N, C-alpha and C. Protein backbone atom coordinates (compact mmCIF):
# COMPACT_ATOMS: atom_id res chain seq x y z
N MET A 1 -37.43 11.75 -134.94
CA MET A 1 -36.60 12.67 -134.17
C MET A 1 -36.56 12.17 -132.74
N SER A 2 -35.39 12.13 -132.17
CA SER A 2 -35.27 11.71 -130.78
C SER A 2 -34.77 12.87 -129.94
N THR A 3 -35.13 12.86 -128.68
CA THR A 3 -34.65 13.88 -127.76
C THR A 3 -33.92 13.20 -126.62
N HIS A 4 -32.99 13.86 -126.08
CA HIS A 4 -32.22 13.32 -124.97
C HIS A 4 -32.36 14.27 -123.79
N ALA A 5 -32.65 13.72 -122.66
CA ALA A 5 -32.74 14.52 -121.44
C ALA A 5 -31.55 14.17 -120.56
N THR A 6 -30.99 15.17 -120.00
CA THR A 6 -29.87 14.97 -119.09
C THR A 6 -30.35 15.28 -117.69
N ALA A 7 -30.20 14.32 -116.81
CA ALA A 7 -30.59 14.52 -115.42
C ALA A 7 -29.39 15.03 -114.65
N ILE A 8 -29.63 16.03 -113.88
CA ILE A 8 -28.58 16.57 -113.01
C ILE A 8 -28.89 16.10 -111.60
N ALA A 9 -27.99 15.35 -111.03
CA ALA A 9 -28.21 14.81 -109.69
C ALA A 9 -28.13 15.93 -108.66
N GLU A 10 -29.14 16.00 -107.85
CA GLU A 10 -29.15 16.97 -106.76
C GLU A 10 -28.42 16.35 -105.57
N PRO A 11 -27.59 17.11 -104.90
CA PRO A 11 -26.92 16.55 -103.72
C PRO A 11 -27.95 16.27 -102.63
N ASP A 12 -27.65 15.30 -101.80
CA ASP A 12 -28.55 15.00 -100.69
C ASP A 12 -28.46 16.13 -99.68
N GLY A 13 -29.57 16.75 -99.40
CA GLY A 13 -29.63 17.79 -98.39
C GLY A 13 -29.01 19.11 -98.83
N HIS A 14 -28.93 20.01 -97.88
CA HIS A 14 -28.40 21.36 -98.10
C HIS A 14 -27.26 21.61 -97.13
N GLN A 15 -26.26 22.34 -97.60
CA GLN A 15 -25.15 22.70 -96.73
C GLN A 15 -25.60 23.85 -95.84
N VAL A 16 -25.52 23.64 -94.55
CA VAL A 16 -25.89 24.65 -93.56
C VAL A 16 -24.65 24.99 -92.76
N GLN A 17 -24.36 26.28 -92.69
CA GLN A 17 -23.18 26.73 -91.95
C GLN A 17 -23.61 27.70 -90.86
N TYR A 18 -23.16 27.41 -89.64
CA TYR A 18 -23.39 28.28 -88.48
C TYR A 18 -22.10 29.04 -88.22
N THR A 19 -22.23 30.34 -87.95
CA THR A 19 -21.06 31.16 -87.62
C THR A 19 -21.38 31.99 -86.38
N ILE A 20 -20.45 32.00 -85.44
CA ILE A 20 -20.55 32.83 -84.23
C ILE A 20 -19.33 33.74 -84.20
N THR A 21 -19.56 35.02 -84.00
CA THR A 21 -18.48 35.99 -83.88
C THR A 21 -18.73 36.87 -82.65
N SER A 22 -17.69 37.59 -82.26
CA SER A 22 -17.78 38.55 -81.17
C SER A 22 -16.74 39.63 -81.41
N GLY A 23 -17.05 40.84 -81.00
CA GLY A 23 -16.12 41.94 -81.18
C GLY A 23 -14.98 41.92 -80.18
N GLN A 24 -15.03 41.03 -79.22
CA GLN A 24 -13.96 40.90 -78.25
C GLN A 24 -13.74 39.44 -77.94
N GLU A 25 -12.62 39.12 -77.35
CA GLU A 25 -12.36 37.73 -76.97
C GLU A 25 -13.34 37.31 -75.89
N ALA A 26 -13.96 36.15 -76.12
CA ALA A 26 -14.92 35.64 -75.15
C ALA A 26 -14.99 34.13 -75.26
N THR A 27 -15.30 33.49 -74.15
CA THR A 27 -15.61 32.07 -74.12
C THR A 27 -17.11 31.98 -73.94
N LEU A 28 -17.79 31.39 -74.93
CA LEU A 28 -19.24 31.34 -74.93
C LEU A 28 -19.72 29.89 -74.93
N SER A 29 -20.93 29.71 -74.46
CA SER A 29 -21.61 28.42 -74.60
C SER A 29 -22.38 28.48 -75.90
N VAL A 30 -22.27 27.43 -76.72
CA VAL A 30 -22.99 27.40 -77.99
C VAL A 30 -23.79 26.10 -78.06
N SER A 31 -25.02 26.22 -78.54
CA SER A 31 -25.89 25.08 -78.81
C SER A 31 -26.28 25.16 -80.27
N TYR A 32 -26.29 24.00 -80.94
CA TYR A 32 -26.63 24.02 -82.37
C TYR A 32 -27.16 22.67 -82.80
N LEU A 33 -27.96 22.69 -83.86
CA LEU A 33 -28.50 21.46 -84.42
C LEU A 33 -27.51 20.92 -85.44
N ALA A 34 -27.00 19.71 -85.19
CA ALA A 34 -26.00 19.11 -86.06
C ALA A 34 -26.61 18.17 -87.09
N ALA A 35 -27.79 17.61 -86.79
CA ALA A 35 -28.47 16.68 -87.72
C ALA A 35 -29.96 16.89 -87.60
N ASP A 36 -30.67 16.83 -88.73
CA ASP A 36 -32.11 17.08 -88.64
C ASP A 36 -32.86 15.83 -88.22
N PRO A 37 -33.75 15.98 -87.23
CA PRO A 37 -34.55 14.85 -86.77
C PRO A 37 -35.70 14.57 -87.74
N ALA A 38 -36.27 13.39 -87.62
CA ALA A 38 -37.40 13.03 -88.47
C ALA A 38 -38.65 13.81 -88.09
N SER A 39 -38.72 14.21 -86.81
CA SER A 39 -39.91 14.93 -86.32
C SER A 39 -39.56 15.63 -85.01
N LYS A 40 -40.46 16.49 -84.56
CA LYS A 40 -40.30 17.16 -83.27
C LYS A 40 -40.31 16.10 -82.16
N ALA A 41 -41.14 15.08 -82.32
CA ALA A 41 -41.20 14.01 -81.32
C ALA A 41 -39.86 13.29 -81.22
N ALA A 42 -39.20 13.06 -82.36
CA ALA A 42 -37.88 12.41 -82.34
C ALA A 42 -36.86 13.28 -81.63
N LEU A 43 -36.91 14.59 -81.87
CA LEU A 43 -36.00 15.52 -81.20
C LEU A 43 -36.26 15.53 -79.70
N ASP A 44 -37.53 15.60 -79.32
CA ASP A 44 -37.87 15.62 -77.90
C ASP A 44 -37.48 14.32 -77.20
N ALA A 45 -37.59 13.20 -77.89
CA ALA A 45 -37.28 11.90 -77.29
C ALA A 45 -35.78 11.70 -77.09
N ASN A 46 -34.96 12.26 -77.98
CA ASN A 46 -33.51 12.04 -77.89
C ASN A 46 -32.76 13.26 -78.41
N PRO A 47 -32.80 14.38 -77.69
CA PRO A 47 -32.17 15.61 -78.19
C PRO A 47 -30.66 15.49 -78.41
N ASP A 48 -29.99 14.64 -77.63
CA ASP A 48 -28.54 14.49 -77.77
C ASP A 48 -28.14 13.89 -79.12
N ALA A 49 -29.07 13.25 -79.80
CA ALA A 49 -28.77 12.69 -81.12
C ALA A 49 -28.71 13.77 -82.20
N TYR A 50 -29.25 14.96 -81.90
CA TYR A 50 -29.36 16.01 -82.90
C TYR A 50 -28.69 17.32 -82.50
N LEU A 51 -28.75 17.65 -81.22
CA LEU A 51 -28.22 18.92 -80.72
C LEU A 51 -26.85 18.72 -80.09
N ARG A 52 -25.98 19.71 -80.25
CA ARG A 52 -24.66 19.71 -79.63
C ARG A 52 -24.55 20.94 -78.73
N ASN A 53 -23.81 20.81 -77.66
CA ASN A 53 -23.53 21.90 -76.74
C ASN A 53 -22.03 21.93 -76.50
N GLU A 54 -21.43 23.10 -76.67
CA GLU A 54 -19.98 23.24 -76.50
C GLU A 54 -19.66 24.60 -75.88
N ARG A 55 -18.47 24.69 -75.34
CA ARG A 55 -17.89 25.99 -74.96
C ARG A 55 -16.89 26.32 -76.06
N ILE A 56 -16.97 27.54 -76.55
CA ILE A 56 -16.10 27.94 -77.66
C ILE A 56 -15.39 29.24 -77.33
N GLY A 57 -14.26 29.45 -77.95
CA GLY A 57 -13.55 30.72 -77.84
C GLY A 57 -13.70 31.47 -79.15
N VAL A 58 -14.09 32.73 -79.09
CA VAL A 58 -14.21 33.58 -80.27
C VAL A 58 -13.57 34.94 -79.96
N GLY A 59 -13.31 35.68 -81.01
CA GLY A 59 -12.75 37.01 -80.85
C GLY A 59 -12.65 37.68 -82.20
N PRO A 60 -12.17 38.91 -82.23
CA PRO A 60 -12.01 39.60 -83.51
C PRO A 60 -11.16 38.78 -84.47
N GLY A 61 -11.68 38.49 -85.63
CA GLY A 61 -10.94 37.72 -86.63
C GLY A 61 -10.85 36.24 -86.33
N ALA A 62 -11.53 35.76 -85.29
CA ALA A 62 -11.48 34.35 -84.91
C ALA A 62 -12.90 33.83 -84.68
N PRO A 63 -13.68 33.66 -85.75
CA PRO A 63 -15.05 33.16 -85.58
C PRO A 63 -15.07 31.66 -85.29
N TRP A 64 -16.19 31.19 -84.79
CA TRP A 64 -16.46 29.76 -84.68
C TRP A 64 -17.38 29.42 -85.85
N VAL A 65 -17.06 28.37 -86.59
CA VAL A 65 -17.84 27.97 -87.76
C VAL A 65 -18.07 26.46 -87.71
N PHE A 66 -19.32 26.06 -87.94
CA PHE A 66 -19.67 24.64 -88.02
C PHE A 66 -20.52 24.44 -89.26
N THR A 67 -20.19 23.43 -90.05
CA THR A 67 -20.93 23.13 -91.27
C THR A 67 -21.51 21.73 -91.18
N THR A 68 -22.77 21.60 -91.56
CA THR A 68 -23.44 20.31 -91.56
C THR A 68 -24.33 20.23 -92.80
N THR A 69 -24.92 19.07 -93.02
CA THR A 69 -25.88 18.90 -94.10
C THR A 69 -27.23 18.57 -93.48
N LEU A 70 -28.24 19.34 -93.85
CA LEU A 70 -29.60 19.11 -93.36
C LEU A 70 -30.52 18.89 -94.56
N ASN A 71 -31.39 17.91 -94.46
CA ASN A 71 -32.38 17.70 -95.51
C ASN A 71 -33.47 18.75 -95.42
N ASP A 72 -33.88 19.10 -94.20
CA ASP A 72 -34.90 20.11 -93.95
C ASP A 72 -34.24 21.28 -93.24
N THR A 73 -33.94 22.32 -93.97
CA THR A 73 -33.20 23.46 -93.40
C THR A 73 -34.00 24.25 -92.37
N SER A 74 -35.30 24.01 -92.30
CA SER A 74 -36.08 24.74 -91.29
C SER A 74 -35.67 24.35 -89.87
N TRP A 75 -34.95 23.22 -89.71
CA TRP A 75 -34.46 22.81 -88.40
C TRP A 75 -33.21 23.59 -87.98
N ALA A 76 -32.59 24.33 -88.87
CA ALA A 76 -31.33 25.02 -88.56
C ALA A 76 -31.48 25.90 -87.31
N TYR A 77 -30.52 25.77 -86.39
CA TYR A 77 -30.58 26.47 -85.11
C TYR A 77 -29.18 26.59 -84.53
N VAL A 78 -28.85 27.79 -84.06
CA VAL A 78 -27.61 28.00 -83.32
C VAL A 78 -27.85 29.12 -82.30
N MET A 79 -27.31 28.93 -81.09
CA MET A 79 -27.43 29.93 -80.04
C MET A 79 -26.07 30.03 -79.34
N ALA A 80 -25.64 31.26 -79.12
CA ALA A 80 -24.39 31.50 -78.39
C ALA A 80 -24.67 32.50 -77.29
N GLY A 81 -24.16 32.23 -76.12
CA GLY A 81 -24.36 33.16 -75.02
C GLY A 81 -23.93 32.54 -73.71
N GLY A 82 -24.49 33.09 -72.64
CA GLY A 82 -24.13 32.59 -71.33
C GLY A 82 -22.63 32.56 -71.17
N ALA A 83 -22.00 33.63 -71.58
CA ALA A 83 -20.55 33.68 -71.64
C ALA A 83 -19.91 33.18 -70.35
N ALA A 84 -18.98 32.31 -70.52
CA ALA A 84 -18.26 31.76 -69.38
C ALA A 84 -17.14 32.71 -68.94
N ARG A 85 -16.53 33.41 -69.91
CA ARG A 85 -15.41 34.30 -69.57
C ARG A 85 -15.34 35.43 -70.58
N TYR A 86 -15.43 36.65 -70.09
CA TYR A 86 -15.27 37.82 -70.93
C TYR A 86 -15.17 39.06 -70.05
N ASN A 87 -14.66 40.12 -70.60
CA ASN A 87 -14.61 41.40 -69.92
C ASN A 87 -15.54 42.34 -70.66
N GLY A 88 -16.45 43.00 -69.95
CA GLY A 88 -17.41 43.87 -70.61
C GLY A 88 -18.57 43.05 -71.15
N THR A 89 -19.09 43.45 -72.28
CA THR A 89 -20.22 42.77 -72.90
C THR A 89 -19.73 42.04 -74.15
N PRO A 90 -19.98 40.73 -74.28
CA PRO A 90 -19.43 39.99 -75.41
C PRO A 90 -20.07 40.32 -76.76
N ASN A 91 -21.34 40.79 -76.76
CA ASN A 91 -22.04 41.12 -78.01
C ASN A 91 -21.88 40.04 -79.07
N PRO A 92 -22.33 38.81 -78.79
CA PRO A 92 -22.19 37.76 -79.80
C PRO A 92 -23.09 38.02 -81.01
N HIS A 93 -22.65 37.51 -82.15
CA HIS A 93 -23.39 37.60 -83.41
C HIS A 93 -23.47 36.19 -83.98
N CYS A 94 -24.67 35.78 -84.40
CA CYS A 94 -24.82 34.47 -85.02
C CYS A 94 -25.34 34.63 -86.45
N GLU A 95 -24.98 33.66 -87.28
CA GLU A 95 -25.47 33.62 -88.65
C GLU A 95 -25.76 32.18 -89.03
N ILE A 96 -26.78 32.01 -89.87
CA ILE A 96 -27.04 30.73 -90.52
C ILE A 96 -26.99 30.99 -92.02
N ALA A 97 -26.16 30.21 -92.71
CA ALA A 97 -26.10 30.26 -94.18
C ALA A 97 -26.57 28.91 -94.71
N VAL A 98 -27.39 28.95 -95.75
CA VAL A 98 -27.87 27.73 -96.41
C VAL A 98 -27.37 27.76 -97.84
N ASP A 99 -26.64 26.74 -98.22
CA ASP A 99 -26.06 26.64 -99.56
C ASP A 99 -25.33 27.92 -99.96
N GLY A 100 -24.60 28.49 -98.98
CA GLY A 100 -23.76 29.65 -99.23
C GLY A 100 -24.43 31.00 -99.09
N ASN A 101 -25.73 31.04 -98.81
CA ASN A 101 -26.45 32.31 -98.66
C ASN A 101 -26.87 32.52 -97.22
N VAL A 102 -26.49 33.65 -96.62
CA VAL A 102 -26.89 33.96 -95.26
C VAL A 102 -28.41 34.21 -95.26
N VAL A 103 -29.12 33.41 -94.46
CA VAL A 103 -30.58 33.51 -94.41
C VAL A 103 -31.08 34.02 -93.07
N MET A 104 -30.20 34.09 -92.06
CA MET A 104 -30.59 34.58 -90.74
C MET A 104 -29.37 35.07 -90.02
N GLN A 105 -29.51 36.20 -89.33
CA GLN A 105 -28.44 36.68 -88.47
C GLN A 105 -29.05 37.46 -87.32
N GLN A 106 -28.35 37.45 -86.20
CA GLN A 106 -28.86 38.09 -85.00
C GLN A 106 -27.69 38.55 -84.14
N ASP A 107 -27.87 39.66 -83.46
CA ASP A 107 -26.90 40.18 -82.51
C ASP A 107 -27.54 40.22 -81.13
N GLY A 108 -26.71 40.16 -80.10
CA GLY A 108 -27.22 40.29 -78.74
C GLY A 108 -26.14 40.84 -77.84
N GLU A 109 -26.55 41.34 -76.69
CA GLU A 109 -25.57 41.86 -75.73
C GLU A 109 -24.79 40.72 -75.08
N THR A 110 -25.54 39.73 -74.58
CA THR A 110 -24.88 38.60 -73.92
C THR A 110 -25.24 37.27 -74.56
N ALA A 111 -26.23 37.23 -75.47
CA ALA A 111 -26.61 36.01 -76.16
C ALA A 111 -27.22 36.37 -77.52
N ALA A 112 -27.07 35.46 -78.46
CA ALA A 112 -27.68 35.63 -79.79
C ALA A 112 -28.21 34.27 -80.24
N THR A 113 -29.42 34.26 -80.77
CA THR A 113 -30.05 33.03 -81.23
C THR A 113 -30.49 33.20 -82.68
N CYS A 114 -30.12 32.25 -83.52
CA CYS A 114 -30.55 32.21 -84.91
C CYS A 114 -31.30 30.90 -85.11
N ALA A 115 -32.52 30.99 -85.62
CA ALA A 115 -33.32 29.80 -85.89
C ALA A 115 -34.22 30.07 -87.07
N LEU A 116 -34.44 29.05 -87.88
CA LEU A 116 -35.29 29.22 -89.05
C LEU A 116 -36.73 28.82 -88.81
N LYS A 117 -37.04 28.40 -87.58
CA LYS A 117 -38.43 28.19 -87.15
C LYS A 117 -38.49 28.38 -85.65
N PRO A 118 -39.68 28.61 -85.11
CA PRO A 118 -39.79 28.79 -83.65
C PRO A 118 -39.35 27.54 -82.90
N TRP A 119 -38.58 27.76 -81.86
CA TRP A 119 -38.15 26.65 -81.01
C TRP A 119 -38.91 26.79 -79.72
């Protein structure tokens, strides 16, 4: 009697999606991890190789979304705040989804930070 095993190839890494929303139109500064470093020392030595900083526009029905692939999802990080332009309080909201499942979300008055490990 013979048996056959079928191997299912696992994709390299995990799909990580960052989402920033706001209940009103606002221009926010956003920082996020786009690629996972080999170590904390690698990140500290060359943060620009892994972290991105941008100004983004968000508003009702107009979220900012960035998708990347990370081998180690514990590096996932996104922060929005320090609003450059808004009226009132921007109340940003951040989310991190891993392989389609929201694993972290946070709200703030003027800034929101989502991270899967202490930074």
